[in-house]
Every structure is written in C-alpha cells, then in structure tokens.
N, C-alpha and C. Protein backbone atom coordinates (compact mmCIF):
# COMPACT_ATOMS: atom_id res chain seq x y z
N MET A 1 9.93 3.49 -9.94
CA MET A 1 10.02 2.16 -9.39
C MET A 1 8.64 1.76 -8.84
N ILE A 2 8.26 0.53 -9.07
CA ILE A 2 6.92 0.07 -8.71
C ILE A 2 6.71 0.07 -7.19
N GLN A 3 7.74 -0.24 -6.40
CA GLN A 3 7.59 -0.24 -4.95
C GLN A 3 7.21 1.15 -4.45
N GLU A 4 7.82 2.19 -5.01
CA GLU A 4 7.49 3.56 -4.60
C GLU A 4 6.08 3.93 -5.03
N ARG A 5 5.69 3.52 -6.23
CA ARG A 5 4.32 3.80 -6.69
C ARG A 5 3.30 3.10 -5.81
N TYR A 6 3.62 1.87 -5.40
CA TYR A 6 2.72 1.12 -4.55
C TYR A 6 2.62 1.78 -3.17
N ALA A 7 3.75 2.22 -2.62
CA ALA A 7 3.74 2.88 -1.32
C ALA A 7 2.92 4.17 -1.37
N LEU A 8 3.09 4.95 -2.42
CA LEU A 8 2.30 6.19 -2.57
C LEU A 8 0.82 5.88 -2.73
N ALA A 9 0.50 4.86 -3.51
CA ALA A 9 -0.90 4.49 -3.72
C ALA A 9 -1.55 4.02 -2.43
N ALA A 10 -0.80 3.28 -1.63
CA ALA A 10 -1.34 2.77 -0.37
C ALA A 10 -1.67 3.91 0.60
N ARG A 11 -0.97 5.04 0.48
CA ARG A 11 -1.21 6.17 1.38
C ARG A 11 -2.07 7.26 0.74
N ALA A 12 -2.52 7.05 -0.48
CA ALA A 12 -3.26 8.09 -1.20
C ALA A 12 -4.61 8.36 -0.54
N SER A 13 -5.00 9.62 -0.55
CA SER A 13 -6.29 9.99 0.02
C SER A 13 -7.37 10.05 -1.05
N SER A 14 -6.97 10.13 -2.30
CA SER A 14 -7.92 10.19 -3.41
C SER A 14 -7.66 9.00 -4.34
N LEU A 15 -8.70 8.25 -4.59
CA LEU A 15 -8.56 7.08 -5.46
C LEU A 15 -9.36 7.24 -6.75
N GLY A 16 -9.42 8.47 -7.25
CA GLY A 16 -10.10 8.71 -8.51
C GLY A 16 -9.37 8.05 -9.65
N MET A 17 -10.12 7.70 -10.70
CA MET A 17 -9.53 7.05 -11.87
C MET A 17 -9.63 7.98 -13.07
N SER A 18 -8.70 7.81 -13.99
CA SER A 18 -8.64 8.63 -15.19
C SER A 18 -8.37 7.73 -16.39
N ASP A 19 -8.95 8.11 -17.53
CA ASP A 19 -8.68 7.37 -18.76
C ASP A 19 -7.33 7.76 -19.35
N ILE A 20 -6.78 8.87 -18.89
CA ILE A 20 -5.56 9.43 -19.48
C ILE A 20 -4.30 8.95 -18.76
N THR A 21 -4.29 8.98 -17.44
CA THR A 21 -3.09 8.61 -16.67
C THR A 21 -3.42 7.53 -15.66
N GLN A 22 -2.39 6.82 -15.26
CA GLN A 22 -2.55 5.82 -14.20
C GLN A 22 -2.35 6.50 -12.86
N GLY A 23 -3.26 6.27 -11.95
CA GLY A 23 -3.19 6.86 -10.63
C GLY A 23 -3.14 5.79 -9.55
N PRO A 24 -3.29 6.21 -8.30
CA PRO A 24 -3.23 5.26 -7.19
C PRO A 24 -4.24 4.12 -7.29
N ALA A 25 -5.44 4.42 -7.76
CA ALA A 25 -6.46 3.37 -7.87
C ALA A 25 -6.01 2.28 -8.86
N ASP A 26 -5.35 2.70 -9.94
CA ASP A 26 -4.86 1.73 -10.92
C ASP A 26 -3.80 0.82 -10.30
N VAL A 27 -2.91 1.42 -9.51
CA VAL A 27 -1.85 0.64 -8.86
C VAL A 27 -2.44 -0.36 -7.86
N LEU A 28 -3.40 0.10 -7.06
CA LEU A 28 -4.02 -0.79 -6.08
C LEU A 28 -4.84 -1.89 -6.75
N THR A 29 -5.48 -1.57 -7.86
CA THR A 29 -6.21 -2.58 -8.62
C THR A 29 -5.24 -3.63 -9.18
N ALA A 30 -4.14 -3.17 -9.72
CA ALA A 30 -3.13 -4.10 -10.23
C ALA A 30 -2.58 -4.98 -9.11
N ALA A 31 -2.43 -4.40 -7.91
CA ALA A 31 -1.96 -5.19 -6.77
C ALA A 31 -2.98 -6.27 -6.41
N GLY A 32 -4.26 -5.94 -6.51
CA GLY A 32 -5.30 -6.93 -6.26
C GLY A 32 -5.25 -8.06 -7.27
N TRP A 33 -5.08 -7.71 -8.54
CA TRP A 33 -4.97 -8.74 -9.58
C TRP A 33 -3.72 -9.60 -9.35
N ALA A 34 -2.63 -8.94 -9.00
CA ALA A 34 -1.37 -9.67 -8.76
C ALA A 34 -1.53 -10.61 -7.57
N GLY A 35 -2.27 -10.18 -6.57
CA GLY A 35 -2.48 -11.00 -5.38
C GLY A 35 -3.26 -12.27 -5.67
N GLN A 36 -4.11 -12.24 -6.69
CA GLN A 36 -4.88 -13.43 -7.04
C GLN A 36 -4.00 -14.55 -7.59
N SER A 37 -2.86 -14.17 -8.19
CA SER A 37 -1.98 -15.21 -8.72
C SER A 37 -0.81 -15.51 -7.77
N ASP A 38 -0.85 -14.94 -6.57
CA ASP A 38 0.17 -15.18 -5.54
C ASP A 38 -0.28 -16.42 -4.76
N LYS A 39 0.21 -17.58 -5.12
CA LYS A 39 -0.26 -18.85 -4.56
C LYS A 39 -0.22 -18.87 -3.04
N LEU A 40 0.85 -18.40 -2.47
CA LEU A 40 0.98 -18.43 -1.02
C LEU A 40 0.46 -17.15 -0.36
N GLY A 41 0.27 -16.10 -1.14
CA GLY A 41 -0.21 -14.84 -0.60
C GLY A 41 0.84 -14.03 0.14
N ILE A 42 2.06 -14.50 0.14
CA ILE A 42 3.10 -13.84 0.93
C ILE A 42 3.68 -12.63 0.20
N GLY A 43 3.87 -12.72 -1.09
CA GLY A 43 4.51 -11.64 -1.84
C GLY A 43 3.75 -10.33 -1.77
N THR A 44 2.45 -10.38 -1.99
CA THR A 44 1.67 -9.15 -1.93
C THR A 44 1.59 -8.61 -0.51
N LEU A 45 1.54 -9.50 0.47
CA LEU A 45 1.58 -9.05 1.88
C LEU A 45 2.88 -8.32 2.18
N LEU A 46 3.99 -8.88 1.72
CA LEU A 46 5.29 -8.26 1.98
C LEU A 46 5.43 -6.94 1.24
N ALA A 47 4.92 -6.85 0.01
CA ALA A 47 4.98 -5.59 -0.73
C ALA A 47 4.19 -4.52 0.02
N ARG A 48 3.02 -4.89 0.52
CA ARG A 48 2.19 -3.95 1.29
C ARG A 48 2.88 -3.58 2.61
N LEU A 49 3.46 -4.55 3.28
CA LEU A 49 4.14 -4.29 4.54
C LEU A 49 5.29 -3.32 4.35
N ARG A 50 6.07 -3.51 3.28
CA ARG A 50 7.18 -2.60 3.02
C ARG A 50 6.67 -1.19 2.73
N ALA A 51 5.56 -1.09 2.03
CA ALA A 51 4.96 0.22 1.76
C ALA A 51 4.55 0.90 3.06
N GLU A 52 3.96 0.14 3.96
CA GLU A 52 3.57 0.69 5.27
C GLU A 52 4.80 1.06 6.09
N ALA A 53 5.83 0.25 6.01
CA ALA A 53 7.04 0.49 6.81
C ALA A 53 7.78 1.75 6.38
N ASP A 54 7.55 2.19 5.14
CA ASP A 54 8.17 3.43 4.69
C ASP A 54 7.78 4.61 5.57
N SER A 55 6.64 4.49 6.27
CA SER A 55 6.20 5.59 7.13
C SER A 55 6.80 5.50 8.54
N VAL A 56 7.51 4.41 8.84
CA VAL A 56 8.12 4.23 10.16
C VAL A 56 9.61 3.98 9.97
N SER A 57 10.44 4.85 10.49
CA SER A 57 11.88 4.64 10.35
C SER A 57 12.38 3.71 11.45
N ALA A 58 13.45 3.01 11.18
CA ALA A 58 14.04 2.11 12.17
C ALA A 58 14.52 2.88 13.39
N ARG A 59 15.08 4.06 13.18
CA ARG A 59 15.55 4.87 14.30
C ARG A 59 14.37 5.29 15.18
N GLU A 60 13.26 5.62 14.54
CA GLU A 60 12.06 5.99 15.26
C GLU A 60 11.59 4.82 16.11
N LEU A 61 11.66 3.62 15.54
CA LEU A 61 11.25 2.41 16.25
C LEU A 61 12.20 2.11 17.40
N ASP A 62 13.51 2.21 17.14
CA ASP A 62 14.49 1.95 18.19
C ASP A 62 14.41 2.99 19.31
N GLY A 63 14.09 4.24 18.96
CA GLY A 63 14.02 5.31 19.94
C GLY A 63 12.76 5.30 20.77
N ALA A 64 11.77 4.53 20.35
CA ALA A 64 10.50 4.48 21.07
C ALA A 64 10.67 3.72 22.38
N ASN A 65 9.94 4.15 23.38
CA ASN A 65 9.92 3.42 24.64
C ASN A 65 9.36 2.03 24.39
N GLU A 66 9.73 1.09 25.23
CA GLU A 66 9.27 -0.28 25.04
C GLU A 66 7.76 -0.40 25.14
N GLY A 67 7.12 0.53 25.79
CA GLY A 67 5.68 0.42 26.01
C GLY A 67 4.83 0.98 24.90
N VAL A 68 4.05 1.96 25.25
CA VAL A 68 3.02 2.50 24.37
C VAL A 68 3.58 3.09 23.08
N ASP A 69 4.70 3.83 23.16
CA ASP A 69 5.25 4.46 21.96
C ASP A 69 5.58 3.43 20.88
N ARG A 70 6.20 2.35 21.29
CA ARG A 70 6.59 1.30 20.34
C ARG A 70 5.36 0.65 19.72
N VAL A 71 4.35 0.40 20.53
CA VAL A 71 3.12 -0.21 20.04
C VAL A 71 2.44 0.73 19.04
N LEU A 72 2.41 2.02 19.35
CA LEU A 72 1.79 2.98 18.44
C LEU A 72 2.50 3.03 17.09
N LEU A 73 3.82 2.95 17.11
CA LEU A 73 4.56 2.92 15.84
C LEU A 73 4.26 1.65 15.05
N LEU A 74 4.27 0.52 15.72
CA LEU A 74 4.03 -0.74 15.03
C LEU A 74 2.59 -0.88 14.56
N MET A 75 1.67 -0.15 15.20
CA MET A 75 0.27 -0.19 14.77
C MET A 75 0.09 0.42 13.38
N ARG A 76 1.02 1.26 12.95
CA ARG A 76 0.95 1.80 11.60
C ARG A 76 1.15 0.70 10.56
N LEU A 77 1.75 -0.39 10.97
CA LEU A 77 2.02 -1.51 10.06
C LEU A 77 0.85 -2.50 10.13
N GLN A 78 -0.24 -2.15 9.46
CA GLN A 78 -1.45 -2.96 9.54
C GLN A 78 -1.27 -4.35 8.95
N THR A 79 -0.34 -4.52 8.06
CA THR A 79 -0.12 -5.81 7.41
C THR A 79 0.89 -6.66 8.18
N LEU A 80 1.46 -6.12 9.25
CA LEU A 80 2.48 -6.85 9.99
C LEU A 80 1.98 -8.20 10.50
N GLY A 81 0.82 -8.24 11.12
CA GLY A 81 0.28 -9.49 11.67
C GLY A 81 0.06 -10.55 10.61
N PRO A 82 -0.70 -10.23 9.54
CA PRO A 82 -0.90 -11.25 8.51
C PRO A 82 0.40 -11.68 7.82
N ALA A 83 1.33 -10.75 7.61
CA ALA A 83 2.60 -11.11 6.97
C ALA A 83 3.41 -12.01 7.89
N LYS A 84 3.44 -11.69 9.17
CA LYS A 84 4.18 -12.51 10.14
C LYS A 84 3.58 -13.92 10.18
N ASP A 85 2.26 -14.01 10.21
CA ASP A 85 1.61 -15.32 10.25
C ASP A 85 1.94 -16.15 9.00
N ALA A 86 1.88 -15.50 7.84
CA ALA A 86 2.19 -16.21 6.58
C ALA A 86 3.65 -16.67 6.56
N LEU A 87 4.54 -15.78 7.02
CA LEU A 87 5.96 -16.17 7.07
C LEU A 87 6.22 -17.26 8.10
N MET A 88 5.48 -17.25 9.20
CA MET A 88 5.63 -18.31 10.20
C MET A 88 5.27 -19.67 9.59
N ARG A 89 4.14 -19.71 8.87
CA ARG A 89 3.74 -20.96 8.23
C ARG A 89 4.80 -21.42 7.23
N TYR A 90 5.24 -20.49 6.39
CA TYR A 90 6.24 -20.84 5.39
C TYR A 90 7.57 -21.20 6.06
N GLY A 91 7.93 -20.51 7.13
CA GLY A 91 9.17 -20.80 7.86
C GLY A 91 9.16 -22.20 8.46
N SER A 92 8.01 -22.59 9.01
CA SER A 92 7.90 -23.94 9.59
C SER A 92 8.03 -25.01 8.50
N ILE A 93 7.38 -24.76 7.37
CA ILE A 93 7.47 -25.70 6.24
C ILE A 93 8.92 -25.76 5.73
N SER A 94 9.54 -24.60 5.61
CA SER A 94 10.93 -24.54 5.12
C SER A 94 11.88 -25.25 6.07
N ALA A 95 11.68 -25.06 7.37
CA ALA A 95 12.56 -25.71 8.35
C ALA A 95 12.47 -27.22 8.22
N THR A 96 11.27 -27.74 8.02
CA THR A 96 11.08 -29.18 7.84
C THR A 96 11.72 -29.64 6.54
N ARG A 97 11.45 -28.89 5.46
CA ARG A 97 11.97 -29.26 4.13
C ARG A 97 13.50 -29.23 4.12
N LEU A 98 14.09 -28.25 4.83
CA LEU A 98 15.55 -28.12 4.87
C LEU A 98 16.18 -28.99 5.95
N LYS A 99 15.34 -29.73 6.68
CA LYS A 99 15.79 -30.62 7.76
C LYS A 99 16.57 -29.87 8.84
N LEU A 100 15.99 -28.73 9.25
CA LEU A 100 16.60 -27.93 10.31
C LEU A 100 15.93 -28.27 11.63
N GLY A 101 16.72 -28.42 12.65
CA GLY A 101 16.20 -28.77 13.96
C GLY A 101 15.84 -27.53 14.76
N VAL A 102 14.73 -26.89 14.40
CA VAL A 102 14.29 -25.70 15.12
C VAL A 102 12.88 -25.91 15.64
N THR A 103 12.60 -25.35 16.80
CA THR A 103 11.27 -25.43 17.40
C THR A 103 10.40 -24.31 16.85
N ASP A 104 9.10 -24.38 17.14
CA ASP A 104 8.19 -23.31 16.71
C ASP A 104 8.59 -21.98 17.35
N ALA A 105 9.05 -22.02 18.59
CA ALA A 105 9.49 -20.79 19.25
C ALA A 105 10.71 -20.20 18.55
N GLN A 106 11.62 -21.05 18.11
CA GLN A 106 12.80 -20.58 17.38
C GLN A 106 12.39 -20.01 16.02
N VAL A 107 11.45 -20.66 15.34
CA VAL A 107 10.97 -20.15 14.06
C VAL A 107 10.37 -18.77 14.27
N ALA A 108 9.57 -18.60 15.32
CA ALA A 108 8.95 -17.30 15.61
C ALA A 108 10.02 -16.24 15.84
N ARG A 109 11.05 -16.56 16.59
CA ARG A 109 12.13 -15.62 16.86
C ARG A 109 12.87 -15.25 15.57
N VAL A 110 13.12 -16.25 14.74
CA VAL A 110 13.81 -16.01 13.46
C VAL A 110 12.95 -15.12 12.57
N ILE A 111 11.66 -15.41 12.48
CA ILE A 111 10.77 -14.64 11.61
C ILE A 111 10.71 -13.19 12.08
N GLY A 112 10.67 -12.96 13.38
CA GLY A 112 10.70 -11.59 13.89
C GLY A 112 11.96 -10.85 13.47
N ALA A 113 13.10 -11.52 13.58
CA ALA A 113 14.37 -10.90 13.18
C ALA A 113 14.43 -10.68 11.67
N VAL A 114 13.90 -11.63 10.90
CA VAL A 114 13.90 -11.52 9.44
C VAL A 114 13.05 -10.33 9.00
N ILE A 115 11.86 -10.21 9.56
CA ILE A 115 10.99 -9.09 9.19
C ILE A 115 11.66 -7.77 9.52
N ARG A 116 12.22 -7.65 10.71
CA ARG A 116 12.89 -6.43 11.14
C ARG A 116 14.05 -6.09 10.17
N HIS A 117 14.86 -7.08 9.87
CA HIS A 117 16.00 -6.87 8.99
C HIS A 117 15.56 -6.56 7.56
N TRP A 118 14.53 -7.26 7.08
CA TRP A 118 14.08 -7.06 5.71
C TRP A 118 13.48 -5.66 5.52
N LEU A 119 12.78 -5.18 6.53
CA LEU A 119 12.18 -3.84 6.42
C LEU A 119 13.19 -2.73 6.62
N TRP A 120 14.13 -2.93 7.53
CA TRP A 120 15.11 -1.90 7.88
C TRP A 120 16.52 -2.50 7.89
N PRO A 121 17.13 -2.71 6.70
CA PRO A 121 18.41 -3.41 6.62
C PRO A 121 19.64 -2.58 6.99
N GLN A 122 19.49 -1.28 7.14
CA GLN A 122 20.66 -0.44 7.43
C GLN A 122 21.10 -0.63 8.89
N CYS A 123 22.38 -0.50 9.09
CA CYS A 123 22.94 -0.54 10.44
C CYS A 123 22.36 0.64 11.23
N GLN A 124 21.82 0.37 12.40
CA GLN A 124 21.19 1.41 13.20
C GLN A 124 22.21 2.27 13.95
N HIS A 125 23.42 1.76 14.08
CA HIS A 125 24.45 2.48 14.83
C HIS A 125 25.08 3.60 14.01
N CYS A 126 25.14 3.40 12.69
CA CYS A 126 25.76 4.42 11.83
C CYS A 126 24.79 4.97 10.79
N ASP A 127 23.51 4.58 10.90
CA ASP A 127 22.48 4.99 9.94
C ASP A 127 22.81 4.57 8.52
N GLY A 128 23.50 3.46 8.36
CA GLY A 128 23.82 2.94 7.04
C GLY A 128 25.00 3.62 6.35
N ARG A 129 25.71 4.50 7.05
CA ARG A 129 26.85 5.20 6.45
C ARG A 129 28.14 4.38 6.50
N GLY A 130 28.25 3.49 7.46
CA GLY A 130 29.46 2.68 7.61
C GLY A 130 30.52 3.35 8.48
N THR A 131 30.28 4.61 8.83
CA THR A 131 31.21 5.34 9.70
C THR A 131 30.42 6.04 10.80
N VAL A 132 31.11 6.30 11.90
CA VAL A 132 30.51 7.03 13.02
C VAL A 132 31.47 8.12 13.47
N ASP A 133 30.91 9.17 14.04
CA ASP A 133 31.75 10.22 14.61
C ASP A 133 32.38 9.69 15.88
N SER A 134 33.64 9.96 16.04
CA SER A 134 34.37 9.47 17.19
C SER A 134 34.40 10.53 18.28
N ALA A 135 34.03 10.13 19.48
CA ALA A 135 34.10 11.04 20.63
C ALA A 135 35.46 10.90 21.32
N GLU A 136 36.22 9.92 20.89
CA GLU A 136 37.52 9.67 21.50
C GLU A 136 38.60 10.43 20.73
N LYS A 137 39.81 10.41 21.31
CA LYS A 137 40.95 11.01 20.61
C LYS A 137 41.25 10.19 19.38
N GLY A 138 41.78 10.81 18.39
CA GLY A 138 42.10 10.11 17.14
C GLY A 138 41.26 10.68 16.01
N PRO A 139 41.05 9.88 14.99
CA PRO A 139 40.31 10.38 13.83
C PRO A 139 38.89 10.81 14.23
N ALA A 140 38.40 11.86 13.58
CA ALA A 140 37.06 12.37 13.89
C ALA A 140 35.98 11.40 13.43
N VAL A 141 36.28 10.62 12.42
CA VAL A 141 35.33 9.64 11.89
C VAL A 141 36.03 8.29 11.88
N ARG A 142 35.32 7.25 12.32
CA ARG A 142 35.91 5.91 12.30
C ARG A 142 34.91 4.92 11.73
N VAL A 143 35.40 3.78 11.33
CA VAL A 143 34.55 2.73 10.77
C VAL A 143 33.65 2.20 11.87
N CYS A 144 32.38 2.02 11.53
CA CYS A 144 31.42 1.49 12.50
C CYS A 144 31.80 0.05 12.86
N LYS A 145 31.94 -0.21 14.15
CA LYS A 145 32.35 -1.55 14.58
C LYS A 145 31.21 -2.56 14.49
N HIS A 146 29.98 -2.08 14.43
CA HIS A 146 28.84 -2.99 14.39
C HIS A 146 28.64 -3.60 13.00
N CYS A 147 28.81 -2.79 11.95
CA CYS A 147 28.62 -3.30 10.58
C CYS A 147 29.95 -3.46 9.85
N LYS A 148 31.04 -3.11 10.51
CA LYS A 148 32.40 -3.19 9.95
C LYS A 148 32.52 -2.37 8.65
N GLY A 149 31.79 -1.24 8.63
CA GLY A 149 31.89 -0.31 7.50
C GLY A 149 30.98 -0.60 6.33
N SER A 150 30.17 -1.66 6.41
CA SER A 150 29.30 -2.00 5.27
C SER A 150 28.05 -1.15 5.21
N GLY A 151 27.63 -0.63 6.35
CA GLY A 151 26.39 0.14 6.41
C GLY A 151 25.15 -0.73 6.53
N LYS A 152 25.34 -2.04 6.47
CA LYS A 152 24.21 -2.97 6.56
C LYS A 152 24.24 -3.71 7.89
N ALA A 153 23.07 -3.84 8.48
CA ALA A 153 22.96 -4.59 9.73
C ALA A 153 23.08 -6.07 9.44
N SER A 154 23.58 -6.80 10.40
CA SER A 154 23.60 -8.25 10.24
C SER A 154 22.27 -8.79 10.78
N LEU A 155 21.86 -9.92 10.27
CA LEU A 155 20.64 -10.54 10.75
C LEU A 155 20.90 -11.01 12.17
N SER A 156 20.18 -10.44 13.11
CA SER A 156 20.51 -10.67 14.52
C SER A 156 19.91 -11.96 15.06
N GLY A 157 20.57 -12.47 16.06
CA GLY A 157 20.05 -13.57 16.84
C GLY A 157 20.26 -14.95 16.23
N GLY A 158 20.23 -15.92 17.12
CA GLY A 158 20.26 -17.30 16.70
C GLY A 158 21.65 -17.84 16.46
N GLU A 159 21.67 -19.15 16.29
CA GLU A 159 22.91 -19.83 15.96
C GLU A 159 22.56 -21.11 15.21
N GLY A 160 23.51 -21.63 14.49
CA GLY A 160 23.34 -22.89 13.78
C GLY A 160 22.17 -22.88 12.81
N ASP A 161 21.19 -23.76 13.09
CA ASP A 161 20.04 -23.90 12.19
C ASP A 161 19.17 -22.65 12.14
N GLU A 162 19.16 -21.88 13.21
CA GLU A 162 18.39 -20.62 13.19
C GLU A 162 19.00 -19.66 12.18
N ILE A 163 20.31 -19.60 12.11
CA ILE A 163 20.98 -18.72 11.14
C ILE A 163 20.67 -19.18 9.72
N LYS A 164 20.71 -20.50 9.50
CA LYS A 164 20.39 -21.04 8.18
C LYS A 164 18.96 -20.70 7.78
N LEU A 165 18.01 -20.88 8.72
CA LEU A 165 16.62 -20.56 8.43
C LEU A 165 16.46 -19.07 8.17
N GLY A 166 17.12 -18.23 8.96
CA GLY A 166 17.04 -16.79 8.77
C GLY A 166 17.54 -16.36 7.40
N ALA A 167 18.67 -16.89 6.98
CA ALA A 167 19.22 -16.55 5.67
C ALA A 167 18.27 -17.00 4.56
N HIS A 168 17.71 -18.19 4.71
CA HIS A 168 16.76 -18.71 3.72
C HIS A 168 15.52 -17.82 3.65
N MET A 169 14.97 -17.49 4.80
CA MET A 169 13.74 -16.69 4.84
C MET A 169 13.97 -15.27 4.32
N LEU A 170 15.13 -14.71 4.60
CA LEU A 170 15.45 -13.37 4.10
C LEU A 170 15.49 -13.38 2.58
N ALA A 171 16.12 -14.39 2.01
CA ALA A 171 16.17 -14.52 0.55
C ALA A 171 14.77 -14.73 -0.03
N MET A 172 13.95 -15.51 0.67
CA MET A 172 12.59 -15.75 0.19
C MET A 172 11.73 -14.49 0.26
N CYS A 173 11.94 -13.65 1.27
CA CYS A 173 11.19 -12.39 1.35
C CYS A 173 11.48 -11.54 0.11
N ASP A 174 12.76 -11.45 -0.25
CA ASP A 174 13.12 -10.70 -1.46
C ASP A 174 12.47 -11.32 -2.69
N GLU A 175 12.52 -12.63 -2.79
CA GLU A 175 11.95 -13.31 -3.96
C GLU A 175 10.43 -13.13 -4.02
N PHE A 176 9.75 -13.34 -2.91
CA PHE A 176 8.29 -13.21 -2.88
C PHE A 176 7.84 -11.79 -3.24
N ALA A 177 8.44 -10.81 -2.58
CA ALA A 177 8.04 -9.42 -2.81
C ALA A 177 8.40 -8.98 -4.22
N GLY A 178 9.58 -9.36 -4.68
CA GLY A 178 10.00 -9.00 -6.04
C GLY A 178 9.06 -9.59 -7.08
N SER A 179 8.65 -10.81 -6.88
CA SER A 179 7.72 -11.46 -7.80
C SER A 179 6.37 -10.75 -7.80
N ALA A 180 5.87 -10.40 -6.61
CA ALA A 180 4.59 -9.69 -6.51
C ALA A 180 4.67 -8.32 -7.18
N LEU A 181 5.75 -7.59 -6.95
CA LEU A 181 5.90 -6.28 -7.58
C LEU A 181 6.03 -6.41 -9.10
N GLY A 182 6.67 -7.46 -9.55
CA GLY A 182 6.75 -7.72 -10.99
C GLY A 182 5.38 -7.96 -11.59
N ARG A 183 4.53 -8.72 -10.88
CA ARG A 183 3.17 -8.97 -11.37
C ARG A 183 2.35 -7.67 -11.37
N ILE A 184 2.52 -6.84 -10.35
CA ILE A 184 1.81 -5.55 -10.31
C ILE A 184 2.23 -4.71 -11.51
N SER A 185 3.53 -4.64 -11.75
CA SER A 185 4.05 -3.86 -12.87
C SER A 185 3.50 -4.39 -14.20
N LYS A 186 3.45 -5.71 -14.34
CA LYS A 186 2.94 -6.32 -15.57
C LYS A 186 1.47 -5.94 -15.78
N HIS A 187 0.67 -5.99 -14.71
CA HIS A 187 -0.75 -5.63 -14.83
C HIS A 187 -0.90 -4.14 -15.20
N LEU A 188 -0.02 -3.30 -14.69
CA LEU A 188 -0.10 -1.87 -15.03
C LEU A 188 0.24 -1.63 -16.50
N ARG A 189 1.20 -2.38 -17.02
CA ARG A 189 1.57 -2.22 -18.43
C ARG A 189 0.45 -2.66 -19.36
N HIS A 190 -0.34 -3.63 -18.92
CA HIS A 190 -1.40 -4.17 -19.78
C HIS A 190 -2.75 -3.53 -19.54
N SER A 191 -2.80 -2.53 -18.66
CA SER A 191 -4.10 -1.89 -18.42
C SER A 191 -4.24 -0.60 -19.19
C-alpha cells in the first residue's frame, strides 16, 4: 500500500537510489512531483501528516500529561501546523460555500476535532475492538457504550452547523489524501 511505503520513506535514514529497485528516495521524489499538481497543497500535507502520526498512537497521546509530555508527542508531527493551517483556510471557505453559520473559532475547533479523528479514528475506550472487559457482575465482555460496538470513535464536539462542517471536512481529508497518494503511486509506476 502506498501510504505504508510513504510512511516508511518519511522515516528512512538512508535515501540512496538504485537503478534496480525503488527505495525511499524514489517514494519521496514521487511525493514531491505529486505535490506540484496538488492545487491546494492539502493532500500531500495530509499524506505526510498521517505518515508522521503512525509514530504516535492515540492511546499514547491520551495518556500523556496535559503539559510537556503531550507537547513532546505532538512535536513528532512536524506537518501538523501547516496541515491545520491549510485545513483552516479550506474549512472557512467551505463553511461560506455551504452557507454554514460558524465563526472562525468554531471552524478552528472543528478542524482540531477533524484532524484528531482522521488520524486516530478508533474508539479510545475499547481500542477499536467494540467490546470492553467488564469489571461488574455479568458478562466478562460487554459492548463498548462509547462506540456502541462499532470500534470507531464519533467525531467529537459541536452541534448543528459545526457537525455538518466536521462531516464535510472529514470526507474532504479522505478525498485530498487519497488523491495525493494516487498521484504518488502513479509517479512511481512511471519512473
């Protein structure tokens, strides 16, 4: 899968090139070429952000203290700032285009929740299993009440237009990143 190849290439310590096989340097070069045709620049940022996020688990993030530990974990996500800024701009444009009555502060809150959910979509209470061990009397395993057994977290926060914007932005993150990864894959096939 191209996302895994991109994540490995982004963390590679050796960027040597070979005429025989494609290596990390080839993948990163293809990502650069793909980025040139990314009109908004969001897709390649999101692909890179997801690759960086593979090194930080949601549980690790949730378990970190609110202070220094959390900041140190988030610092591993070097693309977080530029991706958030790009999504904020696109979110503001989308809110206007969709005629949603949200303020810039609401857009910022929605974008934060969208990024968190897009990077770590599993329910944090059951680790994406849909069930939890019961400490109470009764069955040893029960359906997780937070995700209702789906294993997927719901997009948190907001109401009304914020929920609409969040759903739209979540779908756009998938579309942008998928398109960028498709372009990377295409460049790799033609190199």
